[in-house]
Amino acid sequence: MRGGGMIRALLLPAVGVLLLLGVLIWGAAMGGFPPWLLGMGVSAVGIVVVGLLQPGRGAVKESVLSFAYSLFVALSAIFVYLIAANHNRTFDITEHQLHSLSPQTGALLARIESPVRIAAFADIANQRFLREFLEQYADQSEHVQFEIFDPSRDRLDAQAFGENIQPREAFVTTYDADGNQQRRHRFVLDPANPRREYFLSNALLTVLYGRDQVIYMTQGHGERAPEPDMDRAQGEPDTSWSAFLGILNERIMPVKTVNLGGMNRVPEDAAAVLIASPLSDLSELEREVLTEYLDEGGALLVALEPAYIADRQLPNLDALIRYAGLESPNQVIIDPYAPASELLTSAYLTGDHPIARAMGRIPILMNSARPIRATEDTRTDANKTVLLVSNDQVWAQDAQELRRIQRKIKPLDDEKIGVQALAALSSYPTPDGLRSDRARVALFGDADFVANNAQEFSAGATLTYQTVNWLVQRDDQLAIPPKLVPPSGLLLTQTRFYLMCGTLLVIGLGLLGGGVAYSVARRRLK
């Protein structure tokens, strides 16, 4: 090929390569690639491709085109890398979306209509990761803004929020349309904690909803204590509900105890009433008061305990439960595979209720439980949902018989062996609707699993926490608590994305250079 033909053949690829190089330099200088610059880069790639596909012959041209092609590939790889380096989005490709915001958090952010400011404190090393996390909230709501401070350097900013502000502390503040502060909530926000969404989203809910209502826990019938049992023997478990009530008080709303004896009405500010394993029965008056509370659209959680009530009759409590459309016969679930000292091994969430969907199919440790059943209900528009079930090898044995003979007796009828309901929910329309248009009731066949599993974020505590969220009609919180599935897959944060792209670029350039060197060496040996 003549010199003039060679120049004409290489002109178009050269123009494309130079244009691509200019785009890279321009983008690096700007610190980003706006759409118009990306368009120029794509055009440059197209010009090079068209030039390289031109027909032509000659060893010299092939060598030059080989070099141009190698340079084009190298510049294209750099082009892609620089785009990735300026792309700050986080990709979550884990099976359960552990590292991205839940749909419920997105729905919560979409409903925010007044200004919300998040002030987070972190040392320099953690600020970048924290910023990436908070940007997810700001991107989904124009009303959410955030600031990040280093308490050791930004001392004046820290003093505006209080004394002794430490790293990993944060504040969520709401404002009215005129910019006046409404509510402020202080909490811990560790950017490295996989439960960071739980803390921040619930802090948002705290300031948005306020804490004007109260959850009441009944006393006066031998119910679980609201405070730790300090007199128990060493090694014995704490059967109180103190740890779980602390979670409710911190994450949902204040919890108070109430003795309904002598009262003619549940307090007006009651968002829900908890009855935790009573040893003695309700009085007739208390049953009527709680029945009226449900008729007004109240919310009730009852947790039973087989070991306590096996030899006791609680007709008024049973009548209250049946009024809500549920019942629990005086039986105990027997699991043949449970250890000798226990009656049951694990329970499992079931159904399509939002609570079950939010938590997944995580087993709940439950050492004993009573069966839960639905009653015949003449109410229209009543919803009953089984929430927790056993495995398919268990049976229900009479509690008094079990206490008397102290051994498990497998029924002769195989039809009596199978899955048993251990917790259920009931919801039905209310005639008065003074508190809500529907009553909500949750019945657990066990109370120990709440006390024994009340460490924060355990499956048992989270289940009961979620149930209380449902009872007080905060359905938008149901998937915000920590995701309890084991991590899997890969989290591509911005830093890791840079590292991955850079590694691939180096490998690609190494292979490219090796291929070019081999091609040149082969030509010289001919």
Protein backbone atom coordinates (compact mmCIF):
# COMPACT_ATOMS: atom_id res chain seq x y z
CA MET A 1 0.00 0.00 0.00
CA ARG A 2 1.28 3.44 -0.92
CA GLY A 3 2.12 6.01 1.74
CA GLY A 4 -0.86 8.21 0.85
CA GLY A 5 -3.26 5.26 1.05
CA MET A 6 -1.78 4.25 4.37
CA ILE A 7 -2.31 7.72 5.80
CA ARG A 8 -5.90 7.81 4.56
CA ALA A 9 -6.57 4.35 6.02
CA LEU A 10 -5.24 5.34 9.43
CA LEU A 11 -6.72 8.81 9.53
CA LEU A 12 -10.16 7.81 10.79
CA PRO A 13 -8.93 5.50 13.59
CA ALA A 14 -6.38 8.12 14.61
CA VAL A 15 -9.06 10.81 14.85
CA GLY A 16 -11.20 8.48 16.97
CA VAL A 17 -8.31 7.59 19.28
CA LEU A 18 -7.34 11.25 19.71
CA LEU A 19 -10.97 12.21 20.38
CA LEU A 20 -11.28 9.42 22.96
CA LEU A 21 -8.04 10.55 24.60
CA GLY A 22 -9.37 14.12 24.73
CA VAL A 23 -12.61 12.91 26.35
CA LEU A 24 -10.61 11.08 29.02
CA ILE A 25 -8.45 14.11 29.77
CA TRP A 26 -11.47 16.42 29.84
CA GLY A 27 -13.43 14.09 32.13
CA ALA A 28 -10.48 13.70 34.49
CA ALA A 29 -10.10 17.48 34.68
CA MET A 30 -13.83 17.96 35.37
CA GLY A 31 -13.94 15.16 37.93
CA GLY A 32 -16.90 13.56 36.18
CA PHE A 33 -18.54 12.67 32.90
CA PRO A 34 -21.69 14.65 32.14
CA PRO A 35 -24.03 13.21 29.49
CA TRP A 36 -22.65 15.36 26.67
CA LEU A 37 -19.09 14.23 27.40
CA LEU A 38 -20.17 10.60 27.57
CA GLY A 39 -21.79 11.10 24.19
CA MET A 40 -18.51 12.36 22.76
CA GLY A 41 -16.75 9.31 24.18
CA VAL A 42 -19.25 6.94 22.60
CA SER A 43 -18.87 8.78 19.28
CA ALA A 44 -15.06 8.44 19.50
CA VAL A 45 -15.39 4.71 20.08
CA GLY A 46 -17.68 4.47 17.06
CA ILE A 47 -15.21 6.37 14.85
CA VAL A 48 -12.38 4.03 15.83
CA VAL A 49 -14.51 0.95 15.16
CA VAL A 50 -15.54 2.24 11.72
CA GLY A 51 -11.92 3.05 10.88
CA LEU A 52 -10.62 -0.33 11.94
CA LEU A 53 -13.24 -2.15 9.89
CA GLN A 54 -12.16 -0.48 6.62
CA PRO A 55 -10.89 -2.99 4.04
CA GLY A 56 -7.19 -2.86 3.28
CA ARG A 57 -4.11 -4.96 2.75
CA GLY A 58 -0.44 -4.84 3.57
CA ALA A 59 1.71 -6.00 6.44
CA VAL A 60 2.62 -2.45 7.41
CA LYS A 61 -0.99 -1.44 7.66
CA GLU A 62 -1.82 -4.58 9.64
CA SER A 63 0.95 -3.80 12.10
CA VAL A 64 -0.13 -0.19 12.48
CA LEU A 65 -3.78 -1.17 12.79
CA SER A 66 -2.84 -3.79 15.39
CA PHE A 67 -1.10 -1.08 17.39
CA ALA A 68 -4.06 1.30 16.91
CA TYR A 69 -6.46 -1.43 17.97
CA SER A 70 -4.39 -2.16 21.08
CA LEU A 71 -4.30 1.53 21.94
CA PHE A 72 -8.03 1.78 21.34
CA VAL A 73 -8.76 -1.14 23.69
CA ALA A 74 -6.49 0.34 26.34
CA LEU A 75 -8.11 3.77 26.13
CA SER A 76 -11.58 2.20 26.14
CA ALA A 77 -10.71 0.30 29.32
CA ILE A 78 -9.45 3.51 30.90
CA PHE A 79 -12.62 5.26 29.73
CA VAL A 80 -14.83 2.65 31.42
CA TYR A 81 -12.71 2.74 34.57
CA LEU A 82 -12.91 6.52 34.90
CA ILE A 83 -16.67 6.39 34.47
CA ALA A 84 -16.83 3.78 37.23
CA ALA A 85 -14.51 5.84 39.44
CA ASN A 86 -16.89 8.78 39.17
CA HIS A 87 -19.96 6.63 39.81
CA ASN A 88 -20.86 6.75 43.51
CA ARG A 89 -23.87 4.45 43.52
CA THR A 90 -23.84 1.34 45.72
CA PHE A 91 -24.87 -1.95 44.13
CA ASP A 92 -26.39 -4.55 46.42
CA ILE A 93 -26.56 -7.97 44.78
CA THR A 94 -27.03 -10.01 47.97
CA GLU A 95 -29.92 -12.46 47.88
CA HIS A 96 -31.89 -10.68 50.61
CA GLN A 97 -30.84 -7.10 49.76
CA LEU A 98 -29.00 -6.77 53.07
CA HIS A 99 -27.13 -3.62 52.14
CA SER A 100 -29.80 -1.49 50.49
CA LEU A 101 -32.81 0.31 51.91
CA SER A 102 -35.95 -1.75 52.38
CA PRO A 103 -39.11 -0.87 50.43
CA GLN A 104 -40.75 0.17 53.71
CA THR A 105 -38.00 2.70 54.36
CA GLY A 106 -38.49 3.99 50.83
CA ALA A 107 -42.23 4.32 51.48
CA LEU A 108 -41.52 6.15 54.73
CA LEU A 109 -39.19 8.59 52.99
CA ALA A 110 -41.75 9.19 50.25
CA ARG A 111 -44.31 10.31 52.83
CA ILE A 112 -42.07 12.91 54.48
CA GLU A 113 -43.50 16.35 53.72
CA SER A 114 -41.61 18.57 56.15
CA PRO A 115 -37.87 19.26 56.44
CA VAL A 116 -35.81 16.63 58.23
CA ARG A 117 -32.15 17.07 59.10
CA ILE A 118 -29.78 14.25 60.00
CA ALA A 119 -26.62 15.26 61.84
CA ALA A 120 -24.12 12.42 62.18
CA PHE A 121 -20.80 12.43 64.01
CA ALA A 122 -17.90 10.24 62.90
CA ASP A 123 -14.13 10.33 62.72
CA ILE A 124 -12.46 11.00 59.39
CA ALA A 125 -11.87 7.32 58.62
CA ASN A 126 -15.60 6.48 58.74
CA GLN A 127 -17.05 9.59 57.13
CA ARG A 128 -16.88 8.34 53.56
CA PHE A 129 -18.79 5.14 54.29
CA LEU A 130 -21.28 7.07 56.40
CA ARG A 131 -21.83 9.57 53.59
CA GLU A 132 -22.53 6.77 51.11
CA PHE A 133 -25.16 5.37 53.49
CA LEU A 134 -26.88 8.69 54.22
CA GLU A 135 -26.97 9.59 50.54
CA GLN A 136 -29.40 6.71 50.04
CA TYR A 137 -31.88 8.53 52.29
CA ALA A 138 -31.31 11.95 50.76
CA ASP A 139 -31.67 10.57 47.24
CA GLN A 140 -35.13 9.18 48.02
CA SER A 141 -36.55 12.30 49.66
CA GLU A 142 -36.03 15.94 48.79
CA HIS A 143 -36.98 16.85 52.35
CA VAL A 144 -34.14 14.89 53.97
CA GLN A 145 -30.76 16.56 54.34
CA PHE A 146 -27.72 15.38 56.24
CA GLU A 147 -24.47 16.71 57.63
CA ILE A 148 -21.45 14.80 58.90
CA PHE A 149 -19.14 16.21 61.56
CA ASP A 150 -15.97 15.13 63.26
CA PRO A 151 -16.62 15.90 66.95
CA SER A 152 -12.91 16.40 67.66
CA ARG A 153 -12.55 18.99 64.87
CA ASP A 154 -16.04 20.46 64.46
CA ARG A 155 -16.43 21.31 68.13
CA LEU A 156 -18.74 24.29 67.65
CA ASP A 157 -21.12 22.22 65.53
CA ALA A 158 -21.04 19.43 68.12
CA GLN A 159 -21.80 21.83 70.98
CA ALA A 160 -24.98 22.88 69.19
CA PHE A 161 -26.32 19.36 69.87
CA GLY A 162 -25.12 18.93 73.43
CA GLU A 163 -22.13 18.12 75.56
CA ASN A 164 -19.72 15.21 75.11
CA ILE A 165 -20.81 14.30 71.59
CA GLN A 166 -18.92 11.19 70.50
CA PRO A 167 -18.29 9.50 67.15
CA ARG A 168 -21.10 7.16 66.04
CA GLU A 169 -23.74 9.43 67.56
CA ALA A 170 -26.43 11.03 65.43
CA PHE A 171 -29.45 13.31 65.69
CA VAL A 172 -32.63 13.45 63.63
CA THR A 173 -34.49 16.76 63.79
CA THR A 174 -37.79 17.74 62.21
CA TYR A 175 -38.82 21.29 61.32
CA ASP A 176 -42.07 22.98 60.37
CA ALA A 177 -42.59 24.93 57.14
CA ASP A 178 -41.20 28.10 58.80
CA GLY A 179 -37.99 26.35 59.85
CA ASN A 180 -38.87 26.03 63.53
CA GLN A 181 -37.56 22.91 65.25
CA GLN A 182 -40.28 20.40 66.15
CA ARG A 183 -38.70 17.22 67.53
CA ARG A 184 -35.18 15.88 67.93
CA HIS A 185 -34.03 12.34 68.64
CA ARG A 186 -30.54 11.23 69.65
CA PHE A 187 -29.34 7.73 68.80
CA VAL A 188 -26.30 5.63 67.90
CA LEU A 189 -25.42 5.32 64.21
CA ASP A 190 -22.38 3.19 63.43
CA PRO A 191 -21.77 3.15 59.65
CA ALA A 192 -20.09 -0.26 59.91
CA ASN A 193 -23.06 -1.80 61.72
CA PRO A 194 -25.19 -3.94 59.37
CA ARG A 195 -28.25 -2.78 61.36
CA ARG A 196 -27.69 0.88 60.58
CA GLU A 197 -30.93 1.12 58.58
CA TYR A 198 -32.82 -0.16 61.62
CA PHE A 199 -31.43 2.60 63.83
CA LEU A 200 -31.83 5.47 61.39
CA SER A 201 -35.27 4.56 60.02
CA ASN A 202 -36.68 4.02 63.48
CA ALA A 203 -35.18 7.32 64.59
CA LEU A 204 -37.04 8.96 61.71
CA LEU A 205 -40.25 7.25 62.79
CA THR A 206 -39.74 8.41 66.36
CA VAL A 207 -39.53 12.09 65.41
CA LEU A 208 -42.23 11.87 62.74
CA TYR A 209 -44.82 10.02 64.80
CA GLY A 210 -43.97 11.42 68.21
CA ARG A 211 -44.42 9.46 71.43
CA ASP A 212 -47.79 10.61 72.72
CA GLN A 213 -49.28 7.13 73.17
CA VAL A 214 -48.35 4.45 75.69
CA ILE A 215 -48.12 0.65 75.69
CA TYR A 216 -49.61 -0.73 78.91
CA MET A 217 -48.57 -4.02 80.54
CA THR A 218 -51.08 -5.43 83.00
CA GLN A 219 -50.10 -6.35 86.56
CA GLY A 220 -51.94 -7.82 89.53
CA HIS A 221 -52.33 -11.41 88.29
CA GLY A 222 -48.79 -12.73 88.62
CA GLU A 223 -47.80 -11.56 85.14
CA ARG A 224 -44.20 -11.38 84.05
CA ALA A 225 -42.31 -8.71 85.91
CA PRO A 226 -41.43 -5.51 84.04
CA GLU A 227 -38.13 -5.30 85.92
CA PRO A 228 -35.23 -7.80 86.10
CA ASP A 229 -35.48 -10.50 88.76
CA MET A 230 -32.51 -9.63 90.96
CA ASP A 231 -33.32 -12.34 93.54
CA ARG A 232 -33.11 -15.33 91.19
CA ALA A 233 -30.47 -17.97 91.89
CA GLN A 234 -27.22 -17.86 89.98
CA GLY A 235 -27.59 -19.58 86.62
CA GLU A 236 -31.38 -19.34 86.53
CA PRO A 237 -32.86 -17.45 83.56
CA ASP A 238 -34.50 -14.10 84.05
CA THR A 239 -38.18 -14.70 83.26
CA SER A 240 -39.08 -11.02 83.40
CA TRP A 241 -39.95 -9.05 80.28
CA SER A 242 -37.61 -6.21 81.26
CA ALA A 243 -35.22 -6.54 78.31
CA PHE A 244 -38.04 -6.73 75.77
CA LEU A 245 -39.94 -3.83 77.33
CA GLY A 246 -36.73 -1.82 77.13
CA ILE A 247 -36.66 -2.45 73.38
CA LEU A 248 -40.28 -1.31 73.05
CA ASN A 249 -39.68 1.77 75.16
CA GLU A 250 -36.65 2.78 73.12
CA ARG A 251 -37.83 1.86 69.64
CA ILE A 252 -41.62 2.32 69.57
CA MET A 253 -43.16 4.22 72.48
CA PRO A 254 -43.15 4.37 76.29
CA VAL A 255 -44.24 1.30 78.25
CA LYS A 256 -46.11 1.57 81.56
CA THR A 257 -47.68 -0.95 83.90
CA VAL A 258 -51.37 -0.82 84.76
CA ASN A 259 -53.62 -2.62 87.22
CA LEU A 260 -57.09 -2.71 85.69
CA GLY A 261 -58.71 -3.77 88.94
CA GLY A 262 -61.14 -1.05 89.97
CA MET A 263 -60.83 0.79 86.65
CA ASN A 264 -63.83 1.16 84.39
CA ARG A 265 -61.86 1.95 81.24
CA VAL A 266 -58.49 1.35 79.62
CA PRO A 267 -56.51 4.63 79.66
CA GLU A 268 -57.23 6.90 76.70
CA ASP A 269 -53.59 7.03 75.63
CA ALA A 270 -53.27 3.22 75.35
CA ALA A 271 -51.90 2.17 71.98
CA ALA A 272 -51.84 -1.50 73.08
CA VAL A 273 -52.27 -3.67 76.17
CA LEU A 274 -49.92 -6.57 76.96
CA ILE A 275 -50.92 -9.53 79.16
CA ALA A 276 -47.85 -11.66 79.82
CA SER A 277 -48.53 -15.08 81.33
CA PRO A 278 -50.95 -14.33 84.21
CA LEU A 279 -51.04 -16.82 87.10
CA SER A 280 -54.56 -15.88 88.18
CA ASP A 281 -57.66 -15.04 86.22
CA LEU A 282 -59.00 -11.64 85.26
CA SER A 283 -61.97 -10.38 87.21
CA GLU A 284 -65.34 -10.02 85.50
CA LEU A 285 -64.88 -6.24 85.52
CA GLU A 286 -61.43 -6.47 83.95
CA ARG A 287 -62.72 -8.76 81.23
CA GLU A 288 -65.55 -6.32 80.47
CA VAL A 289 -63.14 -3.36 80.44
CA LEU A 290 -60.82 -5.13 77.97
CA THR A 291 -63.75 -6.30 75.84
CA GLU A 292 -64.99 -2.71 75.60
CA TYR A 293 -61.44 -1.63 74.75
CA LEU A 294 -61.39 -4.06 71.81
CA ASP A 295 -64.82 -2.87 70.69
CA GLU A 296 -63.39 0.63 70.49
CA GLY A 297 -60.61 -0.58 68.18
CA GLY A 298 -57.99 -1.41 70.80
CA ALA A 299 -54.96 -3.69 70.46
CA LEU A 300 -54.17 -6.63 72.73
CA LEU A 301 -51.25 -9.05 73.02
CA VAL A 302 -51.66 -12.14 75.21
CA ALA A 303 -48.72 -14.48 75.84
CA LEU A 304 -49.54 -17.74 77.64
CA GLU A 305 -47.23 -20.08 79.51
CA PRO A 306 -48.03 -23.82 79.72
CA ALA A 307 -45.81 -24.44 82.75
CA TYR A 308 -47.69 -21.86 84.80
CA ILE A 309 -51.33 -22.42 83.95
CA ALA A 310 -51.48 -26.19 83.51
CA ASP A 311 -53.33 -26.68 86.83
CA ARG A 312 -55.24 -23.41 86.79
CA GLN A 313 -58.51 -22.42 85.18
CA LEU A 314 -58.69 -18.90 83.74
CA PRO A 315 -62.24 -18.67 82.36
CA ASN A 316 -62.37 -14.88 82.05
CA LEU A 317 -59.07 -14.71 80.16
CA ASP A 318 -60.21 -17.58 77.94
CA ALA A 319 -63.50 -15.76 77.28
CA LEU A 320 -61.64 -12.58 76.32
CA ILE A 321 -59.44 -14.52 73.89
CA ARG A 322 -62.45 -16.29 72.39
CA TYR A 323 -64.19 -12.94 71.95
CA ALA A 324 -61.31 -11.99 69.68
CA GLY A 325 -61.83 -15.17 67.61
CA LEU A 326 -58.98 -17.27 69.00
CA GLU A 327 -58.53 -19.94 71.67
CA SER A 328 -55.81 -21.98 73.33
CA PRO A 329 -56.85 -25.30 74.92
CA ASN A 330 -55.07 -26.42 78.06
CA GLN A 331 -52.59 -28.55 76.14
CA VAL A 332 -48.85 -28.55 75.53
CA ILE A 333 -47.12 -29.13 72.21
CA ILE A 334 -44.85 -32.19 72.32
CA ASP A 335 -41.88 -32.51 69.97
CA PRO A 336 -40.39 -36.04 69.97
CA TYR A 337 -37.02 -34.66 68.85
CA ALA A 338 -36.74 -32.08 71.62
CA PRO A 339 -34.17 -32.60 74.40
CA ALA A 340 -35.40 -34.45 77.47
CA SER A 341 -35.62 -31.23 79.50
CA GLU A 342 -37.67 -29.45 76.82
CA LEU A 343 -40.94 -30.05 75.03
CA LEU A 344 -40.30 -28.19 71.80
CA THR A 345 -37.33 -27.22 69.66
CA SER A 346 -38.12 -24.46 67.19
CA ALA A 347 -41.05 -22.62 65.68
CA TYR A 348 -41.28 -21.21 62.19
CA LEU A 349 -42.93 -18.16 60.69
CA THR A 350 -45.57 -18.91 58.10
CA GLY A 351 -48.14 -17.27 55.87
CA ASP A 352 -48.12 -14.06 53.87
CA HIS A 353 -48.69 -11.60 56.71
CA PRO A 354 -46.41 -8.50 56.60
CA ILE A 355 -44.71 -9.68 59.79
CA ALA A 356 -43.76 -13.01 58.20
CA ARG A 357 -42.72 -11.36 54.94
CA ALA A 358 -40.50 -8.90 56.79
CA MET A 359 -38.69 -11.55 58.82
CA GLY A 360 -38.49 -14.43 56.37
CA ARG A 361 -38.47 -18.07 57.44
CA ILE A 362 -36.11 -17.76 60.38
CA PRO A 363 -36.57 -20.38 63.14
CA ILE A 364 -37.63 -19.10 66.57
CA LEU A 365 -36.31 -20.90 69.64
CA MET A 366 -39.29 -21.98 71.74
CA ASN A 367 -38.91 -24.57 74.51
CA SER A 368 -42.63 -25.03 75.18
CA ALA A 369 -45.93 -23.74 73.87
CA ARG A 370 -49.68 -24.20 73.87
CA PRO A 371 -51.57 -24.76 70.60
CA ILE A 372 -53.48 -21.82 69.14
CA ARG A 373 -56.72 -22.26 67.22
CA ALA A 374 -59.30 -20.09 65.54
CA THR A 375 -62.89 -20.17 66.78
CA GLU A 376 -66.07 -20.10 64.76
CA ASP A 377 -66.66 -16.42 64.11
CA THR A 378 -69.94 -14.87 63.02
CA ARG A 379 -68.31 -11.47 62.46
CA THR A 380 -68.08 -10.29 58.89
CA ASP A 381 -64.75 -9.08 57.55
CA ALA A 382 -62.75 -10.76 60.33
CA ASN A 383 -59.18 -11.73 59.48
CA LYS A 384 -57.35 -14.51 61.31
CA THR A 385 -53.77 -15.38 60.47
CA VAL A 386 -51.50 -18.10 61.78
CA LEU A 387 -48.13 -16.51 62.40
CA LEU A 388 -45.98 -19.21 63.98
CA VAL A 389 -46.08 -23.00 63.50
CA SER A 390 -44.22 -26.08 64.70
CA ASN A 391 -42.67 -28.81 62.60
CA ASP A 392 -44.87 -31.62 61.26
CA GLN A 393 -43.86 -34.27 63.82
CA VAL A 394 -45.48 -32.81 66.96
CA TRP A 395 -48.73 -33.42 68.80
CA ALA A 396 -50.78 -31.71 71.54
CA GLN A 397 -50.89 -33.43 74.92
CA ASP A 398 -53.13 -32.53 77.84
CA ALA A 399 -51.17 -30.28 80.20
CA GLN A 400 -52.54 -31.77 83.41
CA GLU A 401 -51.80 -35.28 82.17
CA LEU A 402 -48.25 -34.30 81.28
CA ARG A 403 -47.69 -32.78 84.70
CA ARG A 404 -49.10 -35.85 86.40
CA ILE A 405 -47.20 -38.60 84.55
CA GLN A 406 -44.11 -36.56 83.60
CA ARG A 407 -43.64 -38.23 80.22
CA LYS A 408 -44.56 -37.75 76.60
CA ILE A 409 -47.24 -40.03 75.18
CA LYS A 410 -47.45 -40.27 71.42
CA PRO A 411 -51.06 -40.55 70.19
CA LEU A 412 -52.10 -43.76 68.45
CA ASP A 413 -54.00 -41.79 65.84
CA ASP A 414 -51.48 -40.50 63.28
CA GLU A 415 -53.92 -37.78 62.23
CA LYS A 416 -53.26 -36.05 65.55
CA ILE A 417 -49.58 -35.69 64.64
CA GLY A 418 -48.69 -32.74 62.46
CA VAL A 419 -48.08 -29.02 62.28
CA GLN A 420 -49.51 -27.00 65.17
CA ALA A 421 -50.15 -23.25 65.29
CA LEU A 422 -48.16 -21.57 68.07
CA ALA A 423 -49.09 -17.91 67.47
CA ALA A 424 -51.93 -16.22 65.62
CA LEU A 425 -53.33 -12.80 64.84
CA SER A 426 -56.93 -11.65 64.69
CA SER A 427 -58.34 -8.44 63.29
CA TYR A 428 -61.98 -7.46 62.96
CA PRO A 429 -64.09 -4.31 62.47
CA THR A 430 -65.25 -2.55 65.62
CA PRO A 431 -68.79 -1.31 66.26
CA ASP A 432 -67.74 1.92 67.96
CA GLY A 433 -64.36 2.66 66.43
CA LEU A 434 -63.47 5.32 69.00
CA ARG A 435 -59.79 4.34 68.96
CA SER A 436 -59.57 2.62 65.57
CA ASP A 437 -61.85 1.09 62.97
CA ARG A 438 -60.46 -2.41 63.61
CA ALA A 439 -59.43 -4.29 66.73
CA ARG A 440 -56.10 -6.11 66.58
CA VAL A 441 -55.24 -9.11 68.78
CA ALA A 442 -52.12 -11.29 68.95
CA LEU A 443 -52.02 -14.56 70.87
CA PHE A 444 -48.76 -16.41 71.62
CA GLY A 445 -48.73 -19.92 73.04
CA ASP A 446 -45.62 -19.12 75.04
CA ALA A 447 -44.23 -16.26 77.13
CA ASP A 448 -40.77 -17.60 77.92
CA PHE A 449 -39.50 -17.23 74.35
CA VAL A 450 -40.00 -13.47 74.68
CA ALA A 451 -38.05 -13.30 77.95
CA ASN A 452 -35.38 -15.83 77.02
CA ASN A 453 -34.81 -14.29 73.58
CA ALA A 454 -35.11 -10.66 74.56
CA GLN A 455 -31.57 -9.80 73.59
CA GLU A 456 -31.89 -7.07 71.02
CA PHE A 457 -32.16 -8.32 67.42
CA SER A 458 -32.67 -11.96 68.36
CA ALA A 459 -35.32 -13.66 66.26
CA GLY A 460 -37.75 -14.06 69.19
CA ALA A 461 -37.46 -10.47 70.33
CA THR A 462 -37.74 -9.19 66.76
CA LEU A 463 -40.88 -11.26 66.13
CA THR A 464 -42.59 -9.87 69.22
CA TYR A 465 -41.34 -6.38 68.42
CA GLN A 466 -42.79 -6.69 64.92
CA THR A 467 -46.07 -7.92 66.35
CA VAL A 468 -46.31 -4.88 68.60
CA ASN A 469 -45.61 -2.68 65.57
CA TRP A 470 -48.58 -4.31 63.86
CA LEU A 471 -50.76 -3.96 66.95
CA VAL A 472 -50.14 -0.21 67.25
CA GLN A 473 -50.75 0.15 63.49
CA ARG A 474 -47.22 1.10 62.55
CA ASP A 475 -47.20 -1.26 59.62
CA ASP A 476 -44.58 0.82 57.82
CA GLN A 477 -42.02 -0.25 60.45
CA LEU A 478 -42.43 -3.96 59.84
CA ALA A 479 -39.44 -4.42 57.53
CA ILE A 480 -37.23 -1.71 58.98
CA PRO A 481 -35.77 -3.73 61.86
CA PRO A 482 -32.54 -5.62 61.18
CA LYS A 483 -32.58 -8.26 58.51
CA LEU A 484 -31.91 -11.54 60.23
CA VAL A 485 -30.89 -13.65 57.24
CA PRO A 486 -27.25 -14.70 56.89
CA PRO A 487 -25.22 -12.47 54.56
CA SER A 488 -24.53 -13.80 51.10
CA GLY A 489 -23.39 -12.45 47.77
CA LEU A 490 -21.27 -9.36 47.26
CA LEU A 491 -21.61 -5.74 48.32
CA LEU A 492 -20.08 -3.36 45.78
CA THR A 493 -19.48 -0.16 47.68
CA GLN A 494 -17.85 2.71 45.87
CA THR A 495 -14.37 1.85 47.19
CA ARG A 496 -14.73 -1.82 46.36
CA PHE A 497 -16.11 -0.91 42.94
CA TYR A 498 -12.95 1.14 42.24
CA LEU A 499 -10.76 -1.74 43.37
CA MET A 500 -12.60 -4.28 41.24
CA CYS A 501 -12.52 -2.10 38.11
CA GLY A 502 -8.87 -1.21 38.68
CA THR A 503 -7.93 -4.87 39.09
CA LEU A 504 -9.78 -5.84 35.93
CA LEU A 505 -8.10 -2.96 34.09
CA VAL A 506 -4.62 -4.07 35.14
CA ILE A 507 -5.35 -7.67 34.17
CA GLY A 508 -6.80 -6.57 30.85
CA LEU A 509 -3.85 -4.34 30.03
CA GLY A 510 -1.45 -7.13 31.00
CA LEU A 511 -3.16 -9.56 28.65
CA LEU A 512 -3.28 -6.92 25.94
CA GLY A 513 0.40 -6.09 26.29
CA GLY A 514 1.32 -9.76 26.25
CA GLY A 515 -0.71 -10.29 23.08
CA VAL A 516 0.91 -7.34 21.31
CA ALA A 517 4.40 -8.45 22.36
CA TYR A 518 3.72 -11.96 21.10
CA SER A 519 2.40 -10.62 17.78
CA VAL A 520 5.47 -8.39 17.25
CA ALA A 521 7.90 -11.14 18.19
CA ARG A 522 6.21 -13.57 15.83
CA ARG A 523 6.45 -11.11 12.92
CA ARG A 524 10.15 -10.52 13.54
CA LEU A 525 10.89 -14.23 13.56
CA LYS A 526 9.31 -14.73 10.15
